[in-house]
Amino acid sequence: MKKMVSITASEVPTARLHGYLLGAVGPRPIAFASTIDGRNRPNLSPFSFFNVFSSNPPILIFSPSRRVRDNSTKHTLENVLNNMEVVINVVNYDMVQQMSLASTEYGQGENEFIKSGLTMLASDMVKPFRVAESPVQFECKVVKVEPLGKEGGAGNLIFSEVLKIHVDADILDENGTIDQYKIDQVARMGGNWYSRANMGLFEVPKPLSNLGIGVDQIPEHIRLSNVLTGNDLGMLGNVEKLPSLEEVMKYVDDNVDLRSILSAGDKALLHTKAQELLKNKDVLSAWKVLLAKIPA
């Protein structure tokens, strides 16, 4: 017989209980929620307390919880209460790193579309913008917000009625329905873990507690690369600061292969080298490669 560890919910700290809940209930779909504040400034944030609950009327519900550390509320909830509109964007694998970067708690009024390098796309029936990179975008009016408590960790159910759906034609099959392989969705699990629906588990380190520089602060010759993907840029944007010139020069001096690439003067090859390092989660070394100077 299995040995069970039994936990009384009321007897453990909220943060620990939160970990048990998120580790056990998954994979959870992600609502990448786009809202606007009272000054029409965009906000974009992901939430994994999310699902579809009705098709007639079409209702999606997601829940921004009160922060455990200080019992404050999130900008998304405040914006929804202000204008009762939201766009819920589906997250696929190609944008998961940028989605993760957008979850960074930037200050009020900071545009997470810009910080994460994602594209704002005007909606047809609501004010919040759609995420152009998302394979499916739901324009919604909020019909009800149901608070579940007043203490840190309490959820706020946002009942979102779908007014219009936008679907990337490339993810449709020959019958016009969504191909479950092509949509390539990701879902949230416990800790740093995600699930890629058509492949399995993978890990995305949580954004820094200190703010990452954001994709918008990546030098243009890197940001507009023909090699680096949105996921690559999302990882590069999630650093607190860039390596110093001295660190870059030392890295070049210590790497014969890199010096060979630099001598060849091939920027695409340099970016490919950085991409290989990013695949191995070595973001700092990738930055050093990208900042190395190609001889004039």
C-alpha atoms as a PDB file:
ATOM      1  CA  MET A   1       0.000   0.000   0.000  1.00  0.00           C
ATOM      2  CA  LYS A   2       1.212   3.509  -0.827  1.00  0.00           C
ATOM      3  CA  LYS A   3       2.598   5.717   1.902  1.00  0.00           C
ATOM      4  CA  MET A   4       0.618   8.980   1.693  1.00  0.00           C
ATOM      5  CA  VAL A   5       1.583  12.402   3.021  1.00  0.00           C
ATOM      6  CA  SER A   6      -1.640  14.046   4.217  1.00  0.00           C
ATOM      7  CA  ILE A   7      -1.957  17.832   4.371  1.00  0.00           C
ATOM      8  CA  THR A   8      -4.686  19.850   6.055  1.00  0.00           C
ATOM      9  CA  ALA A   9      -5.079  22.939   3.886  1.00  0.00           C
ATOM     10  CA  SER A  10      -5.728  25.302   6.783  1.00  0.00           C
ATOM     11  CA  GLU A  11      -2.539  24.226   8.572  1.00  0.00           C
ATOM     12  CA  VAL A  12       0.114  25.046   5.941  1.00  0.00           C
ATOM     13  CA  PRO A  13       1.317  28.472   4.745  1.00  0.00           C
ATOM     14  CA  THR A  14      -0.454  29.760   1.628  1.00  0.00           C
ATOM     15  CA  ALA A  15       2.734  29.748  -0.462  1.00  0.00           C
ATOM     16  CA  ARG A  16       3.339  26.072   0.331  1.00  0.00           C
ATOM     17  CA  LEU A  17      -0.272  25.149  -0.360  1.00  0.00           C
ATOM     18  CA  HIS A  18      -0.018  27.067  -3.647  1.00  0.00           C
ATOM     19  CA  GLY A  19       2.926  24.847  -4.614  1.00  0.00           C
ATOM     20  CA  TYR A  20       1.009  21.652  -3.886  1.00  0.00           C
ATOM     21  CA  LEU A  21      -1.996  22.822  -5.879  1.00  0.00           C
ATOM     22  CA  LEU A  22       0.012  23.881  -8.922  1.00  0.00           C
ATOM     23  CA  GLY A  23       2.218  20.793  -8.799  1.00  0.00           C
ATOM     24  CA  ALA A  24      -0.755  18.446  -8.676  1.00  0.00           C
ATOM     25  CA  VAL A  25      -3.293  20.124 -10.974  1.00  0.00           C
ATOM     26  CA  GLY A  26      -1.919  20.274 -14.474  1.00  0.00           C
ATOM     27  CA  PRO A  27      -1.180  20.714 -17.229  1.00  0.00           C
ATOM     28  CA  ARG A  28      -3.144  23.968 -17.094  1.00  0.00           C
ATOM     29  CA  PRO A  29      -3.958  26.009 -20.228  1.00  0.00           C
ATOM     30  CA  ILE A  30      -2.664  29.574 -20.303  1.00  0.00           C
ATOM     31  CA  ALA A  31      -4.808  32.676 -20.757  1.00  0.00           C
ATOM     32  CA  PHE A  32      -2.497  35.349 -22.161  1.00  0.00           C
ATOM     33  CA  ALA A  33      -4.728  38.252 -21.170  1.00  0.00           C
ATOM     34  CA  SER A  34      -4.549  41.627 -22.893  1.00  0.00           C
ATOM     35  CA  THR A  35      -6.249  44.572 -21.179  1.00  0.00           C
ATOM     36  CA  ILE A  36      -6.031  48.364 -21.104  1.00  0.00           C
ATOM     37  CA  ASP A  37      -5.979  50.705 -18.125  1.00  0.00           C
ATOM     38  CA  GLY A  38      -7.966  53.888 -17.527  1.00  0.00           C
ATOM     39  CA  ARG A  39      -5.500  55.834 -19.671  1.00  0.00           C
ATOM     40  CA  ASN A  40      -5.790  53.347 -22.572  1.00  0.00           C
ATOM     41  CA  ARG A  41      -2.321  51.929 -21.874  1.00  0.00           C
ATOM     42  CA  PRO A  42      -1.926  48.242 -22.903  1.00  0.00           C
ATOM     43  CA  ASN A  43      -1.167  45.494 -20.404  1.00  0.00           C
ATOM     44  CA  LEU A  44      -0.352  41.861 -21.169  1.00  0.00           C
ATOM     45  CA  SER A  45      -0.013  39.037 -18.640  1.00  0.00           C
ATOM     46  CA  PRO A  46      -0.397  35.212 -18.564  1.00  0.00           C
ATOM     47  CA  PHE A  47      -2.636  33.276 -16.150  1.00  0.00           C
ATOM     48  CA  SER A  48      -2.820  29.500 -15.796  1.00  0.00           C
ATOM     49  CA  PHE A  49      -5.943  29.451 -13.618  1.00  0.00           C
ATOM     50  CA  PHE A  50      -7.978  29.272 -16.835  1.00  0.00           C
ATOM     51  CA  ASN A  51     -10.379  27.188 -18.907  1.00  0.00           C
ATOM     52  CA  VAL A  52     -13.494  27.176 -21.116  1.00  0.00           C
ATOM     53  CA  PHE A  53     -16.749  26.643 -19.208  1.00  0.00           C
ATOM     54  CA  SER A  54     -19.595  27.119 -21.675  1.00  0.00           C
ATOM     55  CA  SER A  55     -20.224  27.266 -25.417  1.00  0.00           C
ATOM     56  CA  ASN A  56     -23.736  28.780 -25.301  1.00  0.00           C
ATOM     57  CA  PRO A  57     -23.046  31.435 -24.206  1.00  0.00           C
ATOM     58  CA  PRO A  58     -19.317  31.030 -24.983  1.00  0.00           C
ATOM     59  CA  ILE A  59     -17.626  31.675 -21.632  1.00  0.00           C
ATOM     60  CA  LEU A  60     -13.943  31.534 -20.719  1.00  0.00           C
ATOM     61  CA  ILE A  61     -12.899  32.058 -17.095  1.00  0.00           C
ATOM     62  CA  PHE A  62      -9.468  32.995 -15.801  1.00  0.00           C
ATOM     63  CA  SER A  63      -8.411  34.067 -12.348  1.00  0.00           C
ATOM     64  CA  PRO A  64      -5.774  36.645 -11.360  1.00  0.00           C
ATOM     65  CA  SER A  65      -5.012  35.855  -7.727  1.00  0.00           C
ATOM     66  CA  ARG A  66      -4.149  38.386  -5.062  1.00  0.00           C
ATOM     67  CA  ARG A  67      -0.393  38.364  -4.420  1.00  0.00           C
ATOM     68  CA  VAL A  68       0.539  36.196  -1.441  1.00  0.00           C
ATOM     69  CA  ARG A  69       3.477  38.376  -0.362  1.00  0.00           C
ATOM     70  CA  ASP A  70       1.539  41.626   0.162  1.00  0.00           C
ATOM     71  CA  ASN A  71      -2.131  40.916  -0.709  1.00  0.00           C
ATOM     72  CA  SER A  72      -2.042  43.390  -3.608  1.00  0.00           C
ATOM     73  CA  THR A  73      -4.038  42.941  -6.825  1.00  0.00           C
ATOM     74  CA  LYS A  74      -2.666  42.606 -10.342  1.00  0.00           C
ATOM     75  CA  HIS A  75      -2.938  45.202 -13.089  1.00  0.00           C
ATOM     76  CA  THR A  76      -5.036  42.830 -15.213  1.00  0.00           C
ATOM     77  CA  LEU A  77      -7.748  42.621 -12.558  1.00  0.00           C
ATOM     78  CA  GLU A  78      -7.718  46.380 -12.014  1.00  0.00           C
ATOM     79  CA  ASN A  79      -7.991  47.011 -15.765  1.00  0.00           C
ATOM     80  CA  VAL A  80     -10.846  44.525 -16.205  1.00  0.00           C
ATOM     81  CA  LEU A  81     -12.811  46.149 -13.381  1.00  0.00           C
ATOM     82  CA  ASN A  82     -12.225  49.503 -15.078  1.00  0.00           C
ATOM     83  CA  ASN A  83     -13.574  48.670 -18.558  1.00  0.00           C
ATOM     84  CA  MET A  84     -14.890  45.053 -18.492  1.00  0.00           C
ATOM     85  CA  GLU A  85     -13.074  43.962 -21.668  1.00  0.00           C
ATOM     86  CA  VAL A  86     -10.241  41.506 -22.329  1.00  0.00           C
ATOM     87  CA  VAL A  87      -8.586  39.626 -25.171  1.00  0.00           C
ATOM     88  CA  ILE A  88      -7.522  36.096 -24.239  1.00  0.00           C
ATOM     89  CA  ASN A  89      -4.704  34.866 -26.467  1.00  0.00           C
ATOM     90  CA  VAL A  90      -3.711  31.198 -26.784  1.00  0.00           C
ATOM     91  CA  VAL A  91      -0.012  30.457 -26.166  1.00  0.00           C
ATOM     92  CA  ASN A  92       1.911  28.105 -28.429  1.00  0.00           C
ATOM     93  CA  TYR A  93       5.488  26.879 -28.205  1.00  0.00           C
ATOM     94  CA  ASP A  94       6.913  29.482 -30.583  1.00  0.00           C
ATOM     95  CA  MET A  95       6.053  32.330 -28.182  1.00  0.00           C
ATOM     96  CA  VAL A  96       6.475  30.676 -24.774  1.00  0.00           C
ATOM     97  CA  GLN A  97       9.675  32.517 -23.824  1.00  0.00           C
ATOM     98  CA  GLN A  98       8.161  35.896 -24.720  1.00  0.00           C
ATOM     99  CA  MET A  99       5.007  34.994 -22.786  1.00  0.00           C
ATOM    100  CA  SER A 100       7.164  34.163 -19.777  1.00  0.00           C
ATOM    101  CA  LEU A 101       8.993  37.484 -20.063  1.00  0.00           C
ATOM    102  CA  ALA A 102       5.635  39.302 -20.160  1.00  0.00           C
ATOM    103  CA  SER A 103       4.815  37.776 -16.754  1.00  0.00           C
ATOM    104  CA  THR A 104       7.537  39.957 -15.204  1.00  0.00           C
ATOM    105  CA  GLU A 105       5.979  42.457 -12.828  1.00  0.00           C
ATOM    106  CA  TYR A 106       6.802  45.646 -14.674  1.00  0.00           C
ATOM    107  CA  GLY A 107       5.455  48.907 -13.266  1.00  0.00           C
ATOM    108  CA  GLN A 108       1.998  50.367 -13.863  1.00  0.00           C
ATOM    109  CA  GLY A 109       1.698  51.638 -17.426  1.00  0.00           C
ATOM    110  CA  GLU A 110       4.707  49.684 -18.768  1.00  0.00           C
ATOM    111  CA  ASN A 111       3.747  48.036 -22.047  1.00  0.00           C
ATOM    112  CA  GLU A 112       4.487  44.284 -21.842  1.00  0.00           C
ATOM    113  CA  PHE A 113       3.938  43.954 -25.597  1.00  0.00           C
ATOM    114  CA  ILE A 114       7.016  46.119 -26.105  1.00  0.00           C
ATOM    115  CA  LYS A 115       9.041  44.546 -23.287  1.00  0.00           C
ATOM    116  CA  SER A 116       8.390  41.016 -24.600  1.00  0.00           C
ATOM    117  CA  GLY A 117       8.777  41.904 -28.285  1.00  0.00           C
ATOM    118  CA  LEU A 118       5.254  40.789 -29.171  1.00  0.00           C
ATOM    119  CA  THR A 119       3.078  42.578 -31.712  1.00  0.00           C
ATOM    120  CA  MET A 120      -0.042  44.591 -30.848  1.00  0.00           C
ATOM    121  CA  LEU A 121      -2.912  43.930 -33.239  1.00  0.00           C
ATOM    122  CA  ALA A 122      -6.086  46.027 -33.095  1.00  0.00           C
ATOM    123  CA  SER A 123      -9.240  44.173 -32.074  1.00  0.00           C
ATOM    124  CA  ASP A 124     -12.540  44.498 -33.924  1.00  0.00           C
ATOM    125  CA  MET A 125     -15.047  44.636 -31.045  1.00  0.00           C
ATOM    126  CA  VAL A 126     -13.095  45.526 -27.881  1.00  0.00           C
ATOM    127  CA  LYS A 127     -10.412  48.048 -26.975  1.00  0.00           C
ATOM    128  CA  PRO A 128      -7.614  45.733 -25.734  1.00  0.00           C
ATOM    129  CA  PHE A 129      -5.129  44.611 -28.376  1.00  0.00           C
ATOM    130  CA  ARG A 130      -4.640  41.085 -29.661  1.00  0.00           C
ATOM    131  CA  VAL A 131      -1.253  39.323 -29.697  1.00  0.00           C
ATOM    132  CA  ALA A 132      -0.485  38.934 -33.396  1.00  0.00           C
ATOM    133  CA  GLU A 133       1.800  35.935 -32.768  1.00  0.00           C
ATOM    134  CA  SER A 134      -0.924  33.974 -30.969  1.00  0.00           C
ATOM    135  CA  PRO A 135      -2.563  31.200 -33.031  1.00  0.00           C
ATOM    136  CA  VAL A 136      -6.031  31.910 -31.560  1.00  0.00           C
ATOM    137  CA  GLN A 137      -7.291  35.196 -30.100  1.00  0.00           C
ATOM    138  CA  PHE A 138     -10.602  35.633 -28.256  1.00  0.00           C
ATOM    139  CA  GLU A 139     -12.130  39.099 -28.037  1.00  0.00           C
ATOM    140  CA  CYS A 140     -14.281  39.114 -24.898  1.00  0.00           C
ATOM    141  CA  LYS A 141     -16.575  41.266 -22.836  1.00  0.00           C
ATOM    142  CA  VAL A 142     -16.413  40.594 -19.109  1.00  0.00           C
ATOM    143  CA  VAL A 143     -19.850  39.733 -17.743  1.00  0.00           C
ATOM    144  CA  LYS A 144     -18.899  39.163 -14.114  1.00  0.00           C
ATOM    145  CA  VAL A 145     -15.945  39.248 -11.725  1.00  0.00           C
ATOM    146  CA  GLU A 146     -16.291  36.939  -8.729  1.00  0.00           C
ATOM    147  CA  PRO A 147     -13.815  37.482  -5.856  1.00  0.00           C
ATOM    148  CA  LEU A 148     -13.044  34.284  -3.938  1.00  0.00           C
ATOM    149  CA  GLY A 149     -11.580  35.962  -0.868  1.00  0.00           C
ATOM    150  CA  LYS A 150      -9.827  39.012   0.503  1.00  0.00           C
ATOM    151  CA  GLU A 151      -6.509  37.527   1.628  1.00  0.00           C
ATOM    152  CA  GLY A 152      -3.276  36.909  -0.294  1.00  0.00           C
ATOM    153  CA  GLY A 153      -3.659  34.007  -2.707  1.00  0.00           C
ATOM    154  CA  ALA A 154      -7.410  34.518  -3.201  1.00  0.00           C
ATOM    155  CA  GLY A 155      -8.562  34.237  -6.802  1.00  0.00           C
ATOM    156  CA  ASN A 156     -10.841  36.518  -8.778  1.00  0.00           C
ATOM    157  CA  LEU A 157     -12.891  34.675 -11.387  1.00  0.00           C
ATOM    158  CA  ILE A 158     -13.217  36.769 -14.545  1.00  0.00           C
ATOM    159  CA  PHE A 159     -16.178  35.497 -16.582  1.00  0.00           C
ATOM    160  CA  SER A 160     -15.319  36.420 -20.175  1.00  0.00           C
ATOM    161  CA  GLU A 161     -17.949  36.083 -22.910  1.00  0.00           C
ATOM    162  CA  VAL A 162     -16.400  35.496 -26.328  1.00  0.00           C
ATOM    163  CA  LEU A 163     -17.565  38.019 -28.926  1.00  0.00           C
ATOM    164  CA  LYS A 164     -15.178  37.161 -31.751  1.00  0.00           C
ATOM    165  CA  ILE A 165     -12.514  34.508 -32.422  1.00  0.00           C
ATOM    166  CA  HIS A 166      -9.493  34.957 -34.686  1.00  0.00           C
ATOM    167  CA  VAL A 167      -7.762  31.738 -35.818  1.00  0.00           C
ATOM    168  CA  ASP A 168      -4.491  31.454 -37.737  1.00  0.00           C
ATOM    169  CA  ALA A 169      -5.392  29.712 -41.010  1.00  0.00           C
ATOM    170  CA  ASP A 170      -2.131  27.756 -40.875  1.00  0.00           C
ATOM    171  CA  ILE A 171      -3.330  25.706 -37.886  1.00  0.00           C
ATOM    172  CA  LEU A 172      -6.523  24.528 -39.601  1.00  0.00           C
ATOM    173  CA  ASP A 173      -6.876  21.109 -41.197  1.00  0.00           C
ATOM    174  CA  GLU A 174      -8.580  20.326 -44.515  1.00  0.00           C
ATOM    175  CA  ASN A 175     -11.996  20.401 -42.784  1.00  0.00           C
ATOM    176  CA  GLY A 176     -11.458  23.869 -41.367  1.00  0.00           C
ATOM    177  CA  THR A 177     -11.063  22.657 -37.773  1.00  0.00           C
ATOM    178  CA  ILE A 178      -8.089  23.288 -35.514  1.00  0.00           C
ATOM    179  CA  ASP A 179      -5.336  20.713 -35.980  1.00  0.00           C
ATOM    180  CA  GLN A 180      -4.125  19.745 -32.512  1.00  0.00           C
ATOM    181  CA  TYR A 181      -0.568  19.144 -33.725  1.00  0.00           C
ATOM    182  CA  LYS A 182      -0.302  22.373 -35.684  1.00  0.00           C
ATOM    183  CA  ILE A 183      -1.601  24.621 -32.888  1.00  0.00           C
ATOM    184  CA  ASP A 184       1.341  23.358 -30.775  1.00  0.00           C
ATOM    185  CA  GLN A 185      -0.067  24.574 -27.452  1.00  0.00           C
ATOM    186  CA  VAL A 186       1.829  24.776 -24.192  1.00  0.00           C
ATOM    187  CA  ALA A 187       0.416  24.408 -20.703  1.00  0.00           C
ATOM    188  CA  ARG A 188       1.604  25.284 -17.215  1.00  0.00           C
ATOM    189  CA  MET A 189       2.689  22.825 -14.562  1.00  0.00           C
ATOM    190  CA  GLY A 190       4.419  23.201 -11.185  1.00  0.00           C
ATOM    191  CA  GLY A 191       7.625  25.182 -10.578  1.00  0.00           C
ATOM    192  CA  ASN A 192       9.428  26.075 -13.804  1.00  0.00           C
ATOM    193  CA  TRP A 193       7.781  23.266 -15.751  1.00  0.00           C
ATOM    194  CA  TYR A 194       5.545  23.440 -18.810  1.00  0.00           C
ATOM    195  CA  SER A 195       4.022  20.800 -21.047  1.00  0.00           C
ATOM    196  CA  ARG A 196       4.142  20.984 -24.836  1.00  0.00           C
ATOM    197  CA  ALA A 197       0.972  19.230 -25.894  1.00  0.00           C
ATOM    198  CA  ASN A 198       2.465  17.356 -28.846  1.00  0.00           C
ATOM    199  CA  MET A 199       5.868  16.540 -27.299  1.00  0.00           C
ATOM    200  CA  GLY A 200       5.953  16.566 -23.487  1.00  0.00           C
ATOM    201  CA  LEU A 201       7.673  18.340 -20.600  1.00  0.00           C
ATOM    202  CA  PHE A 202      10.126  21.222 -20.850  1.00  0.00           C
ATOM    203  CA  GLU A 203      11.420  23.876 -18.469  1.00  0.00           C
ATOM    204  CA  VAL A 204      11.276  27.683 -18.617  1.00  0.00           C
ATOM    205  CA  PRO A 205      13.133  29.465 -15.794  1.00  0.00           C
ATOM    206  CA  LYS A 206      10.931  31.969 -14.000  1.00  0.00           C
ATOM    207  CA  PRO A 207      11.560  35.626 -14.901  1.00  0.00           C
ATOM    208  CA  LEU A 208      13.998  37.465 -12.670  1.00  0.00           C
ATOM    209  CA  SER A 209      12.743  38.925  -9.410  1.00  0.00           C
ATOM    210  CA  ASN A 210      14.664  41.974 -10.629  1.00  0.00           C
ATOM    211  CA  LEU A 211      13.262  43.247 -13.917  1.00  0.00           C
ATOM    212  CA  GLY A 212      14.723  41.861 -17.123  1.00  0.00           C
ATOM    213  CA  ILE A 213      15.871  44.438 -19.684  1.00  0.00           C
ATOM    214  CA  GLY A 214      13.114  43.404 -22.102  1.00  0.00           C
ATOM    215  CA  VAL A 215      13.254  42.669 -25.824  1.00  0.00           C
ATOM    216  CA  ASP A 216      12.910  46.381 -26.565  1.00  0.00           C
ATOM    217  CA  GLN A 217      16.352  47.008 -25.030  1.00  0.00           C
ATOM    218  CA  ILE A 218      18.119  44.432 -27.205  1.00  0.00           C
ATOM    219  CA  PRO A 219      20.336  46.190 -29.785  1.00  0.00           C
ATOM    220  CA  GLU A 220      18.591  46.464 -33.138  1.00  0.00           C
ATOM    221  CA  HIS A 221      21.153  44.399 -35.094  1.00  0.00           C
ATOM    222  CA  ILE A 222      20.349  41.494 -32.746  1.00  0.00           C
ATOM    223  CA  ARG A 223      16.615  42.123 -32.332  1.00  0.00           C
ATOM    224  CA  LEU A 224      16.049  42.141 -36.111  1.00  0.00           C
ATOM    225  CA  SER A 225      18.098  38.981 -36.673  1.00  0.00           C
ATOM    226  CA  ASN A 226      17.011  36.637 -39.461  1.00  0.00           C
ATOM    227  CA  VAL A 227      18.229  33.700 -37.344  1.00  0.00           C
ATOM    228  CA  LEU A 228      17.046  34.312 -33.796  1.00  0.00           C
ATOM    229  CA  THR A 229      13.425  33.394 -32.981  1.00  0.00           C
ATOM    230  CA  GLY A 230      10.918  35.091 -30.702  1.00  0.00           C
ATOM    231  CA  ASN A 231      11.738  32.504 -28.036  1.00  0.00           C
ATOM    232  CA  ASP A 232      15.441  33.330 -28.398  1.00  0.00           C
ATOM    233  CA  LEU A 233      14.733  37.047 -27.975  1.00  0.00           C
ATOM    234  CA  GLY A 234      12.531  36.331 -24.965  1.00  0.00           C
ATOM    235  CA  MET A 235      15.415  34.541 -23.259  1.00  0.00           C
ATOM    236  CA  LEU A 236      17.851  37.333 -24.135  1.00  0.00           C
ATOM    237  CA  GLY A 237      15.451  39.942 -22.755  1.00  0.00           C
ATOM    238  CA  ASN A 238      15.219  38.187 -19.402  1.00  0.00           C
ATOM    239  CA  VAL A 239      18.596  39.358 -18.086  1.00  0.00           C
ATOM    240  CA  GLU A 240      19.088  42.114 -15.568  1.00  0.00           C
ATOM    241  CA  LYS A 241      22.077  43.621 -17.391  1.00  0.00           C
ATOM    242  CA  LEU A 242      24.377  42.925 -20.333  1.00  0.00           C
ATOM    243  CA  PRO A 243      27.879  41.521 -19.893  1.00  0.00           C
ATOM    244  CA  SER A 244      30.629  44.137 -19.793  1.00  0.00           C
ATOM    245  CA  LEU A 245      33.038  44.786 -22.671  1.00  0.00           C
ATOM    246  CA  GLU A 246      35.806  43.179 -20.595  1.00  0.00           C
ATOM    247  CA  GLU A 247      33.713  40.025 -20.085  1.00  0.00           C
ATOM    248  CA  VAL A 248      32.977  39.820 -23.802  1.00  0.00           C
ATOM    249  CA  MET A 249      36.646  40.278 -24.759  1.00  0.00           C
ATOM    250  CA  LYS A 250      37.765  37.594 -22.306  1.00  0.00           C
ATOM    251  CA  TYR A 251      35.154  35.185 -23.664  1.00  0.00           C
ATOM    252  CA  VAL A 252      36.405  35.807 -27.218  1.00  0.00           C
ATOM    253  CA  ASP A 253      40.022  35.309 -26.138  1.00  0.00           C
ATOM    254  CA  ASP A 254      39.123  31.972 -24.531  1.00  0.00           C
ATOM    255  CA  ASN A 255      37.179  30.584 -27.530  1.00  0.00           C
ATOM    256  CA  VAL A 256      39.062  29.668 -30.678  1.00  0.00           C
ATOM    257  CA  ASP A 257      35.876  28.663 -32.548  1.00  0.00           C
ATOM    258  CA  LEU A 258      34.305  32.026 -31.850  1.00  0.00           C
ATOM    259  CA  ARG A 259      37.376  33.891 -33.061  1.00  0.00           C
ATOM    260  CA  SER A 260      37.173  31.880 -36.289  1.00  0.00           C
ATOM    261  CA  ILE A 261      33.517  32.874 -36.779  1.00  0.00           C
ATOM    262  CA  LEU A 262      34.361  36.515 -36.127  1.00  0.00           C
ATOM    263  CA  SER A 263      37.227  36.409 -38.625  1.00  0.00           C
ATOM    264  CA  ALA A 264      34.849  35.055 -41.256  1.00  0.00           C
ATOM    265  CA  GLY A 265      32.650  38.116 -40.746  1.00  0.00           C
ATOM    266  CA  ASP A 266      29.452  36.058 -40.990  1.00  0.00           C
ATOM    267  CA  LYS A 267      26.763  37.581 -38.751  1.00  0.00           C
ATOM    268  CA  ALA A 268      24.301  34.764 -39.467  1.00  0.00           C
ATOM    269  CA  LEU A 269      26.860  32.201 -38.311  1.00  0.00           C
ATOM    270  CA  LEU A 270      27.469  34.250 -35.170  1.00  0.00           C
ATOM    271  CA  HIS A 271      23.748  34.332 -34.410  1.00  0.00           C
ATOM    272  CA  THR A 272      23.494  30.592 -35.037  1.00  0.00           C
ATOM    273  CA  LYS A 273      26.268  30.031 -32.500  1.00  0.00           C
ATOM    274  CA  ALA A 274      24.377  32.159 -29.963  1.00  0.00           C
ATOM    275  CA  GLN A 275      21.198  30.218 -30.698  1.00  0.00           C
ATOM    276  CA  GLU A 276      22.956  26.941 -29.880  1.00  0.00           C
ATOM    277  CA  LEU A 277      23.984  28.366 -26.511  1.00  0.00           C
ATOM    278  CA  LEU A 278      20.408  29.504 -25.845  1.00  0.00           C
ATOM    279  CA  LYS A 279      19.151  25.978 -26.544  1.00  0.00           C
ATOM    280  CA  ASN A 280      21.488  24.851 -23.757  1.00  0.00           C
ATOM    281  CA  LYS A 281      20.100  27.608 -21.471  1.00  0.00           C
ATOM    282  CA  ASP A 282      23.466  29.436 -21.446  1.00  0.00           C
ATOM    283  CA  VAL A 283      22.036  32.915 -21.905  1.00  0.00           C
ATOM    284  CA  LEU A 284      25.060  34.825 -20.609  1.00  0.00           C
ATOM    285  CA  SER A 285      27.425  33.148 -23.083  1.00  0.00           C
ATOM    286  CA  ALA A 286      24.930  33.765 -25.897  1.00  0.00           C
ATOM    287  CA  TRP A 287      25.005  37.456 -25.053  1.00  0.00           C
ATOM    288  CA  LYS A 288      28.809  37.467 -25.116  1.00  0.00           C
ATOM    289  CA  VAL A 289      28.769  35.897 -28.582  1.00  0.00           C
ATOM    290  CA  LEU A 290      26.223  38.403 -29.879  1.00  0.00           C
ATOM    291  CA  LEU A 291      28.120  41.380 -28.480  1.00  0.00           C
ATOM    292  CA  ALA A 292      31.484  40.240 -29.864  1.00  0.00           C
ATOM    293  CA  LYS A 293      32.764  42.565 -32.576  1.00  0.00           C
ATOM    294  CA  ILE A 294      33.209  41.348 -36.135  1.00  0.00           C
ATOM    295  CA  PRO A 295      36.455  42.836 -37.478  1.00  0.00           C
ATOM    296  CA  ALA A 296      35.880  45.735 -39.878  1.00  0.00           C
END
